Amino acid sequence: MLMSEAVTDLTIYTAETGVSLFLYGIYLCLAILTLYVYARAGSRRSPSAKRLVYIVLPAGLVLGTTQTVLDVVRMAVVWVTLLSPEGVTPGRAYEAYIASNIASNVFLCVNVLVTDIFLMYRCFVVWERNRAVLIAPVLLILATTATALVAAIQAQNSSMSASAHALSAIVPALLGTVTNICLTCLTAYKIWSAHRVAVVFKTNTGVRTRYRKALLIITESGAIYTICTVGMAIGLLVQPNTAGVTYLVSTGVVKHMLNIVPALALLYTGLQETSEAEAGPRLPLLEAGDREVCPAPAGTGPRSEFESSPTITSCSLRASTSTAMALLSFIYNRPNRVLQLQKQYQADPRPIFLRPAGAKATLTVYGTLFSLGFASSLYGAGCLVTGYGKGGPSSE
């Protein structure tokens, strides 16, 4: 009887870990591809767009990786605890389980906050930095974060009933849904209004096409986020138990969709082909209000990747490059080679992985990361199939 119950509980946590690994692998591939696209774009992208990418994606990578590791640790702890001899519960294993639960809930709250801030910033930019538009979203974000933290703290309160735990988890899920719908509607309405103006004044087809594409990606990303949070809330209503398979699996989906949705929006924006011959405003997703980067005059050759005016990105890139060169000099004691690298960098200020000499290393690094993401996806799918393939408790 003990083994059958253990298999049932292990099935739940195996399914959650499988979903988490599968979606983490997808997000890892998306994040690496997005970083590569924006790094290749160089001065063709606006400074604020690149700054946003270099903030949102690393934050999502850290949060997603941490939560995936915590899911794996929790599954291992459950395995050790449930398969131990009857009546024996390893104290350290139980403490590790509680700690991983609390940490996972707190990181989920932080992840929700980061994603909401990204969506709010996008709305802020689209509305031409009108602060009055942010009043309702800010209040909703604060309410969502507060209720989520309360639910994370109360999750380990053994004196509360299962229905009370479920209710405390439903409230932030519903508030997060309302927040996402509010931000999506505000952003989509502004772009739709601009599209209507372009239609009335018969602006060229390219501008109207960009508006339609922007409206599509915003509504799609908002719909994906809303479906995930509503699904988690419905799962809690159907099975009011925060330790049930419905809640755990839906949470595993939500925690990575929070990172996948911004990555998809950023990747779509980065891959968009803009023509210099088209007149009118650019795609108002991430770049509205920024200085337009003009093409190089005829006969002067192509612009370098980081030839624009000093920004946080370019300054940090130059500082990190100088630090790396100093570190090479200290470790290998090869000042001549370091001076040569410095001269090469002054002549060509692009990142080393964008130069012909670094092409092989670039392909190796990106190939390794893509392989890691793909392997995580396959392993997660295997865990998910294995978890649901096992039988439930016996009827003995």
Protein backbone atom coordinates (compact mmCIF):
# COMPACT_ATOMS: atom_id res chain seq x y z
CA MET A 1 0.00 0.00 0.00
CA LEU A 2 2.84 2.34 0.82
CA MET A 3 4.53 1.69 -2.53
CA SER A 4 1.33 2.28 -4.50
CA GLU A 5 0.74 5.60 -2.71
CA ALA A 6 4.36 6.53 -3.33
CA VAL A 7 3.96 5.79 -7.04
CA THR A 8 0.86 8.00 -7.14
CA ASP A 9 2.63 10.94 -5.50
CA LEU A 10 5.74 10.42 -7.58
CA THR A 11 3.53 10.45 -10.67
CA ILE A 12 2.25 13.91 -9.71
CA TYR A 13 5.69 15.39 -9.13
CA THR A 14 7.16 13.60 -12.15
CA ALA A 15 4.45 15.12 -14.34
CA GLU A 16 5.13 18.59 -12.90
CA THR A 17 8.88 18.24 -13.40
CA GLY A 18 8.35 16.91 -16.92
CA VAL A 19 6.22 19.92 -17.88
CA SER A 20 8.75 22.25 -16.28
CA LEU A 21 11.73 20.73 -18.12
CA PHE A 22 9.87 20.62 -21.43
CA LEU A 23 8.85 24.29 -21.34
CA TYR A 24 12.23 25.35 -19.94
CA GLY A 25 13.94 23.75 -22.93
CA ILE A 26 11.66 25.68 -25.29
CA TYR A 27 12.30 28.93 -23.44
CA LEU A 28 16.06 28.38 -23.44
CA CYS A 29 16.05 28.02 -27.22
CA LEU A 30 13.86 31.11 -27.63
CA ALA A 31 16.01 33.20 -25.28
CA ILE A 32 19.28 32.28 -26.99
CA LEU A 33 17.80 32.94 -30.42
CA THR A 34 16.43 36.32 -29.30
CA LEU A 35 19.75 37.40 -27.80
CA TYR A 36 21.52 36.40 -31.00
CA VAL A 37 19.03 38.30 -33.20
CA TYR A 38 19.37 41.51 -31.18
CA ALA A 39 23.16 41.21 -31.00
CA ARG A 40 23.31 40.79 -34.77
CA ALA A 41 21.01 43.76 -35.32
CA GLY A 42 23.54 46.16 -33.81
CA SER A 43 22.80 49.82 -34.46
CA ARG A 44 19.71 48.99 -36.48
CA ARG A 45 17.83 48.42 -33.25
CA SER A 46 17.00 51.26 -30.89
CA PRO A 47 18.98 51.57 -27.61
CA SER A 48 15.91 51.07 -25.40
CA ALA A 49 14.92 47.91 -27.27
CA LYS A 50 18.37 46.40 -26.74
CA ARG A 51 18.45 47.48 -23.09
CA LEU A 52 15.06 45.86 -22.53
CA VAL A 53 16.22 42.62 -24.13
CA TYR A 54 19.44 42.54 -22.10
CA ILE A 55 17.42 43.02 -18.89
CA VAL A 56 14.30 40.89 -19.46
CA LEU A 57 15.90 37.81 -21.01
CA PRO A 58 18.73 37.34 -18.47
CA ALA A 59 16.22 37.85 -15.65
CA GLY A 60 13.94 35.25 -17.21
CA LEU A 61 16.84 32.84 -17.68
CA VAL A 62 17.86 33.16 -14.03
CA LEU A 63 14.30 32.77 -12.73
CA GLY A 64 13.41 29.95 -15.12
CA THR A 65 16.61 28.01 -14.42
CA THR A 66 16.21 28.42 -10.66
CA GLN A 67 12.61 27.25 -10.70
CA THR A 68 13.47 24.25 -12.89
CA VAL A 69 16.26 23.24 -10.53
CA LEU A 70 13.89 23.60 -7.57
CA ASP A 71 11.34 21.37 -9.32
CA VAL A 72 13.96 18.67 -9.87
CA VAL A 73 15.15 18.96 -6.27
CA ARG A 74 11.60 18.69 -4.97
CA MET A 75 10.93 15.58 -7.06
CA ALA A 76 14.13 14.00 -5.73
CA VAL A 77 13.17 14.87 -2.15
CA VAL A 78 9.69 13.39 -2.61
CA TRP A 79 11.28 10.26 -4.04
CA VAL A 80 13.56 9.85 -1.02
CA THR A 81 10.78 10.61 1.47
CA LEU A 82 8.03 8.45 0.01
CA LEU A 83 10.19 5.43 -0.72
CA SER A 84 11.74 5.38 2.75
CA PRO A 85 10.70 2.58 5.17
CA GLU A 86 7.23 2.91 6.66
CA GLY A 87 7.14 5.21 9.65
CA VAL A 88 10.52 6.71 8.83
CA THR A 89 10.65 10.23 7.36
CA PRO A 90 14.13 11.67 6.87
CA GLY A 91 14.21 14.97 8.73
CA ARG A 92 16.60 16.62 6.31
CA ALA A 93 14.53 15.48 3.34
CA TYR A 94 11.37 16.99 4.82
CA GLU A 95 13.17 20.26 5.57
CA ALA A 96 14.52 20.33 2.03
CA TYR A 97 11.01 19.72 0.68
CA ILE A 98 9.56 22.61 2.71
CA ALA A 99 12.44 24.91 1.74
CA SER A 100 12.13 24.05 -1.96
CA ASN A 101 8.36 24.64 -1.82
CA ILE A 102 8.76 28.08 -0.23
CA ALA A 103 11.58 29.06 -2.59
CA SER A 104 9.60 27.90 -5.64
CA ASN A 105 6.55 29.92 -4.59
CA VAL A 106 8.62 33.04 -3.90
CA PHE A 107 10.45 32.80 -7.24
CA LEU A 108 7.09 32.37 -8.97
CA CYS A 109 5.91 35.63 -7.36
CA VAL A 110 9.07 37.40 -8.53
CA ASN A 111 8.62 35.98 -12.02
CA VAL A 112 5.04 37.23 -12.19
CA LEU A 113 6.24 40.68 -11.09
CA VAL A 114 9.00 40.79 -13.74
CA THR A 115 6.62 39.76 -16.52
CA ASP A 116 3.98 42.28 -15.44
CA ILE A 117 6.59 45.05 -15.37
CA PHE A 118 7.64 44.13 -18.91
CA LEU A 119 4.04 44.23 -20.13
CA MET A 120 3.47 47.51 -18.30
CA TYR A 121 6.58 49.07 -19.84
CA ARG A 122 5.43 48.00 -23.29
CA CYS A 123 2.05 49.61 -22.65
CA PHE A 124 3.80 52.73 -21.32
CA VAL A 125 5.90 53.05 -24.48
CA VAL A 126 2.98 52.46 -26.83
CA TRP A 127 0.98 55.17 -25.05
CA GLU A 128 3.87 57.60 -25.68
CA ARG A 129 4.99 57.51 -22.03
CA ASN A 130 1.68 58.74 -20.65
CA ARG A 131 1.89 58.02 -16.90
CA ALA A 132 -1.85 58.39 -16.31
CA VAL A 133 -2.41 55.13 -18.20
CA LEU A 134 -0.36 53.21 -15.62
CA ILE A 135 -2.52 53.98 -12.58
CA ALA A 136 -4.82 50.95 -12.87
CA PRO A 137 -2.07 48.49 -13.97
CA VAL A 138 0.24 49.55 -11.10
CA LEU A 139 -2.52 49.01 -8.53
CA LEU A 140 -3.35 45.61 -10.02
CA ILE A 141 0.32 44.57 -10.08
CA LEU A 142 0.79 45.57 -6.44
CA ALA A 143 -2.35 43.66 -5.44
CA THR A 144 -1.24 40.58 -7.40
CA THR A 145 2.24 40.60 -5.86
CA ALA A 146 0.92 41.09 -2.32
CA THR A 147 -1.66 38.30 -2.54
CA ALA A 148 0.85 35.98 -4.23
CA LEU A 149 3.39 36.51 -1.44
CA VAL A 150 0.70 35.88 1.19
CA ALA A 151 -0.31 32.67 -0.60
CA ALA A 152 3.34 31.59 -0.80
CA ILE A 153 3.80 32.11 2.95
CA GLN A 154 0.53 30.38 3.84
CA ALA A 155 1.28 27.40 1.60
CA GLN A 156 3.21 25.70 4.43
CA ASN A 157 0.63 26.48 7.13
CA SER A 158 -0.56 23.02 8.19
CA SER A 159 -3.44 24.45 10.27
CA MET A 160 -5.26 25.66 7.14
CA SER A 161 -7.61 23.37 5.25
CA ALA A 162 -7.05 22.31 1.64
CA SER A 163 -9.88 24.54 0.43
CA ALA A 164 -8.37 27.54 2.25
CA HIS A 165 -5.00 26.90 0.58
CA ALA A 166 -6.77 26.64 -2.78
CA LEU A 167 -8.64 29.91 -2.21
CA SER A 168 -5.43 31.74 -1.27
CA ALA A 169 -3.86 30.52 -4.53
CA ILE A 170 -6.91 31.35 -6.69
CA VAL A 171 -6.96 35.04 -5.69
CA PRO A 172 -3.50 35.98 -7.12
CA ALA A 173 -4.20 33.87 -10.21
CA LEU A 174 -7.39 35.81 -10.91
CA LEU A 175 -5.72 39.15 -10.15
CA GLY A 176 -2.88 38.25 -12.50
CA THR A 177 -5.43 37.43 -15.18
CA VAL A 178 -7.17 40.77 -14.73
CA THR A 179 -3.80 42.59 -14.82
CA ASN A 180 -2.82 40.88 -18.06
CA ILE A 181 -6.19 41.57 -19.68
CA CYS A 182 -6.00 45.23 -18.63
CA LEU A 183 -2.48 45.73 -20.04
CA THR A 184 -3.25 43.79 -23.22
CA CYS A 185 -6.43 45.76 -23.89
CA LEU A 186 -4.75 49.11 -23.25
CA THR A 187 -1.84 48.30 -25.56
CA ALA A 188 -4.00 46.76 -28.26
CA TYR A 189 -6.46 49.67 -28.18
CA LYS A 190 -3.69 52.22 -28.74
CA ILE A 191 -2.24 50.29 -31.67
CA TRP A 192 -5.71 49.69 -33.12
CA SER A 193 -6.41 53.44 -32.91
CA ALA A 194 -3.15 54.21 -34.72
CA HIS A 195 -4.06 51.62 -37.35
CA ARG A 196 -7.46 53.23 -37.87
CA VAL A 197 -5.80 56.62 -38.34
CA ALA A 198 -3.43 55.08 -40.87
CA VAL A 199 -6.38 53.59 -42.75
CA VAL A 200 -8.35 56.87 -42.74
CA PHE A 201 -5.41 58.89 -44.02
CA LYS A 202 -4.52 56.12 -46.49
CA THR A 203 -0.99 55.61 -45.23
CA ASN A 204 1.08 53.17 -47.26
CA THR A 205 0.42 49.47 -46.91
CA GLY A 206 3.68 48.72 -45.11
CA VAL A 207 2.81 50.88 -42.11
CA ARG A 208 -0.65 49.37 -41.80
CA THR A 209 0.84 45.89 -42.07
CA ARG A 210 3.22 46.61 -39.21
CA TYR A 211 0.33 47.83 -37.07
CA ARG A 212 -1.65 44.68 -37.81
CA LYS A 213 1.31 42.47 -36.96
CA ALA A 214 1.89 44.36 -33.72
CA LEU A 215 -1.76 43.98 -32.79
CA LEU A 216 -1.60 40.28 -33.56
CA ILE A 217 1.47 39.54 -31.42
CA ILE A 218 0.12 41.55 -28.49
CA THR A 219 -3.25 39.84 -28.50
CA GLU A 220 -1.68 36.40 -28.97
CA SER A 221 0.78 36.82 -26.10
CA GLY A 222 -1.96 38.19 -23.86
CA ALA A 223 -4.27 35.31 -24.77
CA ILE A 224 -1.60 32.70 -24.00
CA TYR A 225 -0.89 34.25 -20.59
CA THR A 226 -4.61 34.54 -19.80
CA ILE A 227 -5.36 30.94 -20.80
CA CYS A 228 -2.59 29.67 -18.49
CA THR A 229 -3.70 31.65 -15.44
CA VAL A 230 -7.40 30.92 -16.00
CA GLY A 231 -6.56 27.24 -16.43
CA MET A 232 -4.74 27.23 -13.10
CA ALA A 233 -7.70 28.91 -11.38
CA ILE A 234 -10.19 26.47 -12.93
CA GLY A 235 -7.98 23.55 -11.90
CA LEU A 236 -8.05 24.75 -8.30
CA LEU A 237 -11.83 25.10 -8.43
CA VAL A 238 -12.21 21.57 -9.81
CA GLN A 239 -9.62 20.06 -7.46
CA PRO A 240 -9.24 22.38 -4.42
CA ASN A 241 -5.87 21.02 -3.35
CA THR A 242 -2.54 22.79 -3.83
CA ALA A 243 -0.80 19.39 -3.67
CA GLY A 244 -2.97 17.92 -6.44
CA VAL A 245 -1.81 17.09 -9.93
CA THR A 246 -3.99 19.79 -11.55
CA TYR A 247 -2.48 22.64 -9.55
CA LEU A 248 1.12 21.41 -9.70
CA VAL A 249 1.09 20.77 -13.45
CA SER A 250 -0.70 24.06 -14.23
CA THR A 251 1.81 25.88 -12.01
CA GLY A 252 4.64 24.22 -13.93
CA VAL A 253 3.10 25.55 -17.14
CA VAL A 254 2.51 29.07 -15.82
CA LYS A 255 5.99 29.57 -14.34
CA HIS A 256 7.63 29.07 -17.74
CA MET A 257 4.95 30.68 -19.90
CA LEU A 258 5.65 33.83 -17.88
CA ASN A 259 9.08 33.84 -19.55
CA ILE A 260 8.08 32.42 -22.93
CA VAL A 261 5.49 35.13 -23.62
CA PRO A 262 7.97 38.08 -23.36
CA ALA A 263 10.60 36.10 -25.28
CA LEU A 264 8.15 35.51 -28.14
CA ALA A 265 7.23 39.20 -28.28
CA LEU A 266 10.89 40.27 -28.27
CA LEU A 267 11.86 37.68 -30.86
CA TYR A 268 9.01 38.72 -33.14
CA THR A 269 10.07 42.35 -32.88
CA GLY A 270 13.72 41.49 -33.49
CA LEU A 271 12.99 39.39 -36.56
CA GLN A 272 10.76 41.97 -38.16
CA GLU A 273 12.07 43.31 -41.42
CA THR A 274 11.73 47.06 -41.69
CA SER A 275 12.28 48.83 -44.98
CA GLU A 276 13.96 52.22 -45.10
CA ALA A 277 11.77 53.14 -48.05
CA GLU A 278 8.61 52.90 -45.95
CA ALA A 279 7.45 56.17 -44.43
CA GLY A 280 5.62 56.68 -41.16
CA PRO A 281 6.17 55.53 -37.60
CA ARG A 282 7.96 52.34 -36.73
CA LEU A 283 6.39 49.35 -35.04
CA PRO A 284 5.31 50.77 -31.64
CA LEU A 285 6.11 47.69 -29.56
CA LEU A 286 9.33 48.55 -27.83
CA GLU A 287 10.87 51.46 -29.68
CA ALA A 288 8.42 54.36 -29.57
CA GLY A 289 9.99 57.58 -28.33
CA ASP A 290 13.55 56.53 -29.17
CA ARG A 291 15.96 58.37 -31.42
CA GLU A 292 15.79 57.11 -34.98
CA VAL A 293 19.06 55.58 -36.11
CA CYS A 294 19.85 56.96 -39.56
CA PRO A 295 21.59 54.87 -42.22
CA ALA A 296 25.17 55.64 -43.13
CA PRO A 297 25.68 58.18 -45.91
CA ALA A 298 26.31 56.79 -49.36
CA GLY A 299 29.91 55.89 -50.01
CA THR A 300 30.95 55.66 -46.37
CA GLY A 301 30.57 51.89 -46.14
CA PRO A 302 28.47 49.90 -43.68
CA ARG A 303 27.93 51.20 -40.17
CA SER A 304 29.57 49.29 -37.34
CA GLU A 305 27.37 47.33 -34.98
CA PHE A 306 27.84 49.72 -32.06
CA GLU A 307 28.53 53.03 -33.80
CA SER A 308 25.59 54.87 -32.25
CA SER A 309 25.90 57.34 -29.39
CA PRO A 310 27.04 55.96 -26.00
CA THR A 311 24.36 53.94 -24.23
CA ILE A 312 24.25 51.68 -21.21
CA THR A 313 24.66 48.69 -23.50
CA SER A 314 27.67 50.00 -25.44
CA CYS A 315 29.39 51.31 -22.30
CA SER A 316 28.91 48.04 -20.45
CA LEU A 317 30.13 46.14 -23.52
CA ARG A 318 33.32 48.20 -23.73
CA ALA A 319 33.90 47.93 -19.98
CA SER A 320 33.44 44.15 -20.02
CA THR A 321 35.76 43.85 -23.03
CA SER A 322 38.49 45.87 -21.29
CA THR A 323 38.09 43.78 -18.14
CA ALA A 324 38.35 40.55 -20.12
CA MET A 325 41.52 41.77 -21.83
CA ALA A 326 43.08 42.72 -18.49
CA LEU A 327 42.16 39.28 -17.13
CA LEU A 328 43.81 37.61 -20.12
CA SER A 329 46.95 39.64 -19.50
CA PHE A 330 47.00 38.66 -15.82
CA ILE A 331 46.42 34.93 -16.41
CA TYR A 332 48.50 34.25 -19.49
CA ASN A 333 51.05 37.06 -19.13
CA ARG A 334 50.93 37.80 -22.83
CA PRO A 335 50.86 41.61 -23.10
CA ASN A 336 51.65 41.58 -26.81
CA ARG A 337 48.61 39.45 -27.59
CA VAL A 338 46.44 41.66 -25.37
CA LEU A 339 47.65 44.79 -27.17
CA GLN A 340 46.86 43.12 -30.46
CA LEU A 341 43.34 42.33 -29.25
CA GLN A 342 42.89 45.91 -28.11
CA LYS A 343 43.92 47.23 -31.53
CA GLN A 344 41.52 44.81 -33.21
CA TYR A 345 38.72 45.95 -30.94
CA GLN A 346 39.43 49.63 -31.63
CA ALA A 347 39.39 48.95 -35.36
CA ASP A 348 36.24 46.79 -35.17
CA PRO A 349 34.16 47.47 -32.04
CA ARG A 350 31.70 44.65 -32.70
CA PRO A 351 31.47 41.79 -30.19
CA ILE A 352 34.00 39.08 -30.91
CA PHE A 353 31.30 36.53 -31.75
CA LEU A 354 30.16 38.76 -34.64
CA ARG A 355 33.60 38.90 -36.24
CA PRO A 356 34.71 36.32 -38.81
CA ALA A 357 37.39 35.02 -36.42
CA GLY A 358 34.78 34.23 -33.78
CA ALA A 359 32.26 32.55 -36.09
CA LYS A 360 33.35 29.00 -35.23
CA ALA A 361 33.27 29.65 -31.49
CA THR A 362 29.88 31.34 -31.86
CA LEU A 363 28.41 28.34 -33.66
CA THR A 364 29.84 26.02 -31.01
CA VAL A 365 28.38 28.01 -28.10
CA TYR A 366 24.96 28.47 -29.65
CA GLY A 367 24.88 24.87 -30.84
CA THR A 368 25.65 23.67 -27.32
CA LEU A 369 22.96 25.86 -25.77
CA PHE A 370 20.38 24.84 -28.35
CA SER A 371 21.28 21.19 -27.78
CA LEU A 372 20.83 21.69 -24.04
CA GLY A 373 17.42 23.26 -24.58
CA PHE A 374 16.34 20.55 -27.00
CA ALA A 375 17.57 17.80 -24.66
CA SER A 376 15.67 19.38 -21.77
CA SER A 377 12.52 19.41 -23.90
CA LEU A 378 12.91 15.74 -24.83
CA TYR A 379 13.66 14.70 -21.26
CA GLY A 380 10.72 16.71 -19.96
CA ALA A 381 8.40 15.09 -22.49
CA GLY A 382 9.69 11.68 -21.42
CA CYS A 383 9.12 12.47 -17.75
CA LEU A 384 5.62 13.70 -18.54
CA VAL A 385 4.70 10.56 -20.49
CA THR A 386 6.26 8.30 -17.85
CA GLY A 387 4.52 10.13 -15.02
CA TYR A 388 1.07 9.85 -16.53
CA GLY A 389 1.73 6.32 -17.71
CA LYS A 390 2.10 4.94 -14.19
CA GLY A 391 -0.94 3.59 -12.44
CA GLY A 392 -2.63 5.03 -9.41
CA PRO A 393 -2.97 3.45 -6.01
CA SER A 394 -4.14 -0.07 -5.81
CA SER A 395 -7.51 -0.97 -4.45
CA GLU A 396 -6.13 -3.12 -1.69
